[in-house]
Amino acid sequence: MNVVEEFAAAMDAVTGRSRAEHSALLPNKLAWACVRVLGVSGASLSVSTDPDLRIPLGASSEAASTAESLQYTTGTGPCLDAHATGVAVLAPEPVLARRWPVYHLHLVHRTAFRAVHALPLRGGLTGIGTLDLYFESDAALAAHDPRAAEAVADAVAAALLADPAAAGTGEPIWLNSPLARARTTVAIAVGMVVIDQDLSPATALELIRGHARGLESTVDLIARQIVDRALTPAALTADAHTAAIAAGGSPVLDLPVADDGPMPLTTTDVQPH
């Protein structure tokens, strides 16, 4: 069997339940099949049509879900570059550390992953979806077959597009996956901060991100605290003000993570071991 046939067989091996439940969990199953067929350590799927709102669809494990959430928390990472450029990104650990130092710092602290292959989905999900593959060593990435991964990514996109829409909404049922539902909490929290502190949505999101990074947490967890009213928007503003003054700067609220801008990488950036 070729890799696409192996992927189809892996998907067939996943136990099906009701149609609605199957569709909601489809992204998790696709991520799991990617791990099984490609031999990677983790996989996650996400979509984005708004620069400030990235929706995770599914992940092969809790660690893979964390790796995705950390990219959204830091606002940088290979997946974001792959989405922005439409070009796959191969990032061994030295490249992660150089290109996305904040993401790299959190990734190695919170997970066992040390390298990433981010692939933009094609077809009807061009410019929308991304598949992230995670590796525990640069050697594992060097032994990885990018062409096989591209073929599997196309199969993933086809499976998502073939899934039926929910009755009455016209939206795919997998947009109601557990991870996707959890991320909507961020949008609610951003809205609460916008109203309470009279900020733009982009600044409110950066405020939440900065608080999450300072606590070595994630945007998702901090957003949940805001929505549950365990953390007030005013406390976020006060923390940002104090941190800016302590750093010798102005007490501003807009605190984006510095980055050189997207730079797609090719297989030549991965040196064989």
Protein backbone atom coordinates (compact mmCIF):
# COMPACT_ATOMS: atom_id res chain seq x y z
CA MET A 1 0.00 0.00 0.00
CA ASN A 2 1.08 3.56 -0.60
CA VAL A 3 0.94 6.13 2.19
CA VAL A 4 -2.54 7.38 1.25
CA GLU A 5 -3.91 3.83 1.30
CA GLU A 6 -2.23 3.25 4.66
CA PHE A 7 -3.85 6.43 5.94
CA ALA A 8 -7.28 5.29 4.75
CA ALA A 9 -6.77 1.92 6.45
CA ALA A 10 -5.77 3.64 9.68
CA MET A 11 -8.93 5.74 9.56
CA ASP A 12 -11.05 2.64 8.94
CA ALA A 13 -9.54 1.09 12.06
CA VAL A 14 -10.91 3.89 14.23
CA THR A 15 -14.11 2.76 15.91
CA GLY A 16 -17.10 4.69 14.62
CA ARG A 17 -20.02 5.83 16.74
CA SER A 18 -23.02 7.92 15.78
CA ARG A 19 -22.64 10.12 12.69
CA ALA A 20 -22.70 13.36 14.72
CA GLU A 21 -20.20 12.05 17.25
CA HIS A 22 -17.96 10.70 14.49
CA SER A 23 -17.93 14.09 12.76
CA ALA A 24 -17.18 16.06 15.92
CA LEU A 25 -14.28 13.75 16.72
CA LEU A 26 -13.11 13.42 13.11
CA PRO A 27 -10.18 15.87 13.52
CA ASN A 28 -8.82 13.89 16.48
CA LYS A 29 -9.07 10.69 14.47
CA LEU A 30 -7.31 12.28 11.50
CA ALA A 31 -4.49 13.50 13.74
CA TRP A 32 -4.14 10.06 15.29
CA ALA A 33 -3.99 8.45 11.83
CA CYS A 34 -1.24 10.91 10.82
CA VAL A 35 0.85 9.78 13.79
CA ARG A 36 0.29 6.12 13.04
CA VAL A 37 1.09 6.32 9.31
CA LEU A 38 3.88 8.91 9.30
CA GLY A 39 5.60 7.72 12.46
CA VAL A 40 5.66 11.20 14.01
CA SER A 41 5.34 11.88 17.74
CA GLY A 42 2.28 14.10 17.52
CA ALA A 43 -0.09 15.89 15.17
CA SER A 44 -2.63 18.70 15.39
CA LEU A 45 -5.11 20.32 13.01
CA SER A 46 -6.26 23.92 13.04
CA VAL A 47 -8.10 26.46 10.89
CA SER A 48 -7.99 30.24 10.80
CA THR A 49 -9.81 32.89 8.80
CA ASP A 50 -9.00 35.70 11.25
CA PRO A 51 -5.43 36.64 12.31
CA ASP A 52 -6.59 36.96 15.91
CA LEU A 53 -8.62 33.75 16.13
CA ARG A 54 -7.05 30.40 15.37
CA ILE A 55 -9.35 27.41 15.93
CA PRO A 56 -7.85 24.04 16.91
CA LEU A 57 -9.84 21.19 15.40
CA GLY A 58 -8.14 18.14 16.83
CA ALA A 59 -4.93 16.63 18.15
CA SER A 60 -3.43 13.19 18.51
CA SER A 61 -2.61 13.69 22.20
CA GLU A 62 -2.69 16.18 25.06
CA ALA A 63 0.93 17.10 24.29
CA ALA A 64 0.08 17.86 20.66
CA SER A 65 -2.85 19.99 21.80
CA THR A 66 -0.52 21.88 24.14
CA ALA A 67 1.98 22.47 21.31
CA GLU A 68 -0.79 24.05 19.22
CA SER A 69 -2.05 26.14 22.13
CA LEU A 70 1.47 27.43 22.80
CA GLN A 71 1.73 28.77 19.25
CA TYR A 72 -1.51 30.66 19.74
CA THR A 73 -0.35 31.87 23.16
CA THR A 74 2.99 33.20 21.93
CA GLY A 75 1.61 34.45 18.64
CA THR A 76 4.53 32.91 16.75
CA GLY A 77 5.54 29.53 15.37
CA PRO A 78 6.01 27.47 12.22
CA CYS A 79 2.30 26.77 11.82
CA LEU A 80 1.49 30.48 11.76
CA ASP A 81 4.16 31.03 9.11
CA ALA A 82 2.92 28.09 7.03
CA HIS A 83 -0.59 29.51 7.20
CA ALA A 84 0.58 33.03 6.28
CA THR A 85 2.76 31.98 3.33
CA GLY A 86 0.99 28.87 2.07
CA VAL A 87 4.35 27.08 2.10
CA ALA A 88 5.26 24.07 4.27
CA VAL A 89 7.78 24.77 7.04
CA LEU A 90 10.34 22.24 8.28
CA ALA A 91 11.80 23.42 11.57
CA PRO A 92 14.45 21.44 13.46
CA GLU A 93 15.24 22.68 16.97
CA PRO A 94 18.01 25.15 16.00
CA VAL A 95 15.60 26.81 13.58
CA LEU A 96 12.82 26.87 16.18
CA ALA A 97 15.19 28.55 18.65
CA ARG A 98 16.38 31.12 16.12
CA ARG A 99 13.15 31.97 14.32
CA TRP A 100 10.59 31.62 17.13
CA PRO A 101 12.57 31.85 20.41
CA VAL A 102 9.57 32.48 22.66
CA TYR A 103 7.60 29.57 21.21
CA HIS A 104 10.68 27.33 21.37
CA LEU A 105 11.24 28.21 25.04
CA HIS A 106 7.69 27.27 26.00
CA LEU A 107 7.58 24.20 23.74
CA VAL A 108 10.67 22.54 25.23
CA HIS A 109 9.55 23.43 28.74
CA ARG A 110 6.03 22.06 28.37
CA THR A 111 6.43 19.15 25.93
CA ALA A 112 8.94 16.58 24.67
CA PHE A 113 8.72 17.98 21.12
CA ARG A 114 11.86 19.47 19.59
CA ALA A 115 11.03 19.85 15.88
CA VAL A 116 7.97 20.68 13.77
CA HIS A 117 6.76 20.16 10.21
CA ALA A 118 3.87 22.54 9.48
CA LEU A 119 1.87 21.96 6.30
CA PRO A 120 -0.84 24.25 4.91
CA LEU A 121 -3.87 22.28 3.80
CA ARG A 122 -4.78 22.55 0.12
CA GLY A 123 -7.87 22.21 -2.03
CA GLY A 124 -10.96 23.73 -0.47
CA LEU A 125 -9.04 24.49 2.72
CA THR A 126 -6.28 26.52 1.05
CA GLY A 127 -5.48 29.56 3.16
CA ILE A 128 -7.60 28.19 6.00
CA GLY A 129 -6.30 24.90 7.42
CA THR A 130 -2.95 23.70 8.71
CA LEU A 131 -1.55 20.34 9.80
CA ASP A 132 1.27 20.35 12.36
CA LEU A 133 3.50 17.32 12.83
CA TYR A 134 5.71 17.13 15.93
CA PHE A 135 8.99 15.30 16.52
CA GLU A 136 10.96 14.53 19.67
CA SER A 137 14.36 14.98 17.98
CA ASP A 138 16.02 16.55 14.97
CA ALA A 139 17.09 13.06 13.91
CA ALA A 140 13.44 12.02 13.69
CA LEU A 141 12.68 15.06 11.53
CA ALA A 142 15.66 14.35 9.27
CA ALA A 143 14.39 10.79 8.72
CA HIS A 144 10.90 12.09 7.96
CA ASP A 145 9.54 12.03 4.38
CA PRO A 146 8.03 15.47 3.58
CA ARG A 147 6.42 14.20 0.36
CA ALA A 148 4.59 11.47 2.23
CA ALA A 149 3.42 14.08 4.72
CA GLU A 150 2.11 16.26 1.89
CA ALA A 151 0.14 13.33 0.48
CA VAL A 152 -1.35 12.63 3.89
CA ALA A 153 -2.16 16.32 4.39
CA ASP A 154 -4.12 16.25 1.13
CA ALA A 155 -5.99 13.16 2.38
CA VAL A 156 -6.76 14.97 5.63
CA ALA A 157 -8.17 17.96 3.75
CA ALA A 158 -10.28 15.68 1.55
CA ALA A 159 -11.70 13.88 4.60
CA LEU A 160 -12.65 17.16 6.27
CA LEU A 161 -14.29 18.52 3.14
CA ALA A 162 -16.21 15.29 2.55
CA ASP A 163 -17.78 15.33 6.01
CA PRO A 164 -21.44 16.42 6.04
CA ALA A 165 -22.56 19.80 7.35
CA ALA A 166 -24.71 20.10 10.43
CA ALA A 167 -28.40 20.39 9.65
CA GLY A 168 -29.64 23.96 9.70
CA THR A 169 -26.24 25.66 9.95
CA GLY A 170 -24.39 24.66 6.81
CA GLU A 171 -21.19 24.42 8.85
CA PRO A 172 -19.15 21.21 9.14
CA ILE A 173 -19.89 19.27 12.32
CA TRP A 174 -16.15 19.06 13.04
CA LEU A 175 -16.16 22.82 13.72
CA ASN A 176 -17.96 21.76 16.90
CA SER A 177 -15.11 19.52 18.04
CA PRO A 178 -14.15 19.64 21.75
CA LEU A 179 -10.99 21.67 21.05
CA ALA A 180 -12.84 24.09 18.78
CA ARG A 181 -15.53 24.67 21.40
CA ALA A 182 -12.88 25.33 24.04
CA ARG A 183 -11.16 27.97 21.88
CA THR A 184 -14.38 29.97 21.55
CA THR A 185 -13.83 30.85 25.21
CA VAL A 186 -10.94 33.04 24.07
CA ALA A 187 -13.24 35.11 21.86
CA ILE A 188 -15.63 35.58 24.78
CA ALA A 189 -12.78 36.60 27.10
CA VAL A 190 -11.40 39.05 24.54
CA GLY A 191 -14.84 40.63 24.27
CA MET A 192 -15.06 40.98 28.04
CA VAL A 193 -11.66 42.70 28.19
CA VAL A 194 -12.57 44.98 25.27
CA ILE A 195 -15.75 46.17 26.99
CA ASP A 196 -14.30 46.43 30.50
CA GLN A 197 -11.03 48.17 29.57
CA ASP A 198 -12.07 49.99 26.38
CA LEU A 199 -9.41 48.32 24.25
CA SER A 200 -9.23 47.07 20.68
CA PRO A 201 -9.70 43.30 20.24
CA ALA A 202 -6.07 42.93 19.10
CA THR A 203 -4.75 44.71 22.20
CA ALA A 204 -7.06 42.73 24.47
CA LEU A 205 -5.78 39.47 22.99
CA GLU A 206 -2.15 40.56 23.46
CA LEU A 207 -2.96 41.42 27.06
CA ILE A 208 -4.28 37.90 27.65
CA ARG A 209 -1.31 36.41 25.81
CA GLY A 210 1.17 38.39 27.89
CA HIS A 211 -0.49 37.28 31.12
CA ALA A 212 -0.43 33.66 29.96
CA ARG A 213 3.25 33.80 29.01
CA GLY A 214 4.16 35.40 32.33
CA LEU A 215 2.49 32.54 34.21
CA GLU A 216 3.80 29.85 31.82
CA SER A 217 0.17 29.12 31.05
CA THR A 218 -1.86 29.28 27.83
CA VAL A 219 -4.33 31.71 26.34
CA ASP A 220 -7.04 29.07 26.65
CA LEU A 221 -6.57 28.63 30.41
CA ILE A 222 -6.37 32.36 31.12
CA ALA A 223 -9.45 32.98 28.97
CA ARG A 224 -11.37 30.39 30.97
CA GLN A 225 -10.42 32.20 34.20
CA ILE A 226 -11.68 35.50 32.77
CA VAL A 227 -14.98 34.00 31.61
CA ASP A 228 -15.41 32.28 34.99
CA ARG A 229 -14.62 35.66 36.64
CA ALA A 230 -11.71 34.18 38.57
CA LEU A 231 -9.52 36.81 36.86
CA THR A 232 -10.67 40.36 36.14
CA PRO A 233 -9.79 42.38 33.02
CA ALA A 234 -8.58 45.16 35.33
CA ALA A 235 -6.03 42.77 36.85
CA LEU A 236 -4.66 42.04 33.37
CA THR A 237 -4.23 45.76 32.70
CA ALA A 238 -2.53 46.33 36.05
CA ASP A 239 -0.12 43.45 35.45
CA ALA A 240 0.81 44.77 31.99
CA HIS A 241 1.33 48.28 33.38
CA THR A 242 3.59 47.00 36.19
CA ALA A 243 5.59 44.73 33.87
CA ALA A 244 6.23 47.55 31.40
CA ILE A 245 7.47 49.92 34.10
CA ALA A 246 9.67 47.21 35.67
CA ALA A 247 11.25 46.64 32.27
CA GLY A 248 12.09 50.34 32.01
CA GLY A 249 9.54 51.05 29.29
CA SER A 250 6.33 52.94 28.96
CA PRO A 251 3.20 51.56 30.61
CA VAL A 252 1.63 50.55 27.32
CA LEU A 253 -0.83 47.75 26.76
CA ASP A 254 0.11 46.62 23.27
CA LEU A 255 2.87 44.10 23.94
CA PRO A 256 3.33 41.90 20.84
CA VAL A 257 6.05 39.26 20.66
CA ALA A 258 8.88 40.33 18.38
CA ASP A 259 9.45 38.30 15.23
CA ASP A 260 11.36 38.83 12.01
CA GLY A 261 8.31 37.94 9.93
CA PRO A 262 7.43 34.72 8.13
CA MET A 263 10.24 32.84 6.46
CA PRO A 264 9.26 29.54 4.83
CA LEU A 265 11.84 26.82 5.20
CA THR A 266 12.64 23.94 2.89
CA THR A 267 14.11 20.51 3.32
CA THR A 268 17.55 22.05 2.83
CA ASP A 269 17.24 23.56 6.31
CA VAL A 270 17.24 20.05 7.80
CA GLN A 271 20.69 18.60 7.95
CA PRO A 272 20.93 14.78 7.89
CA HIS A 273 22.32 13.08 10.96
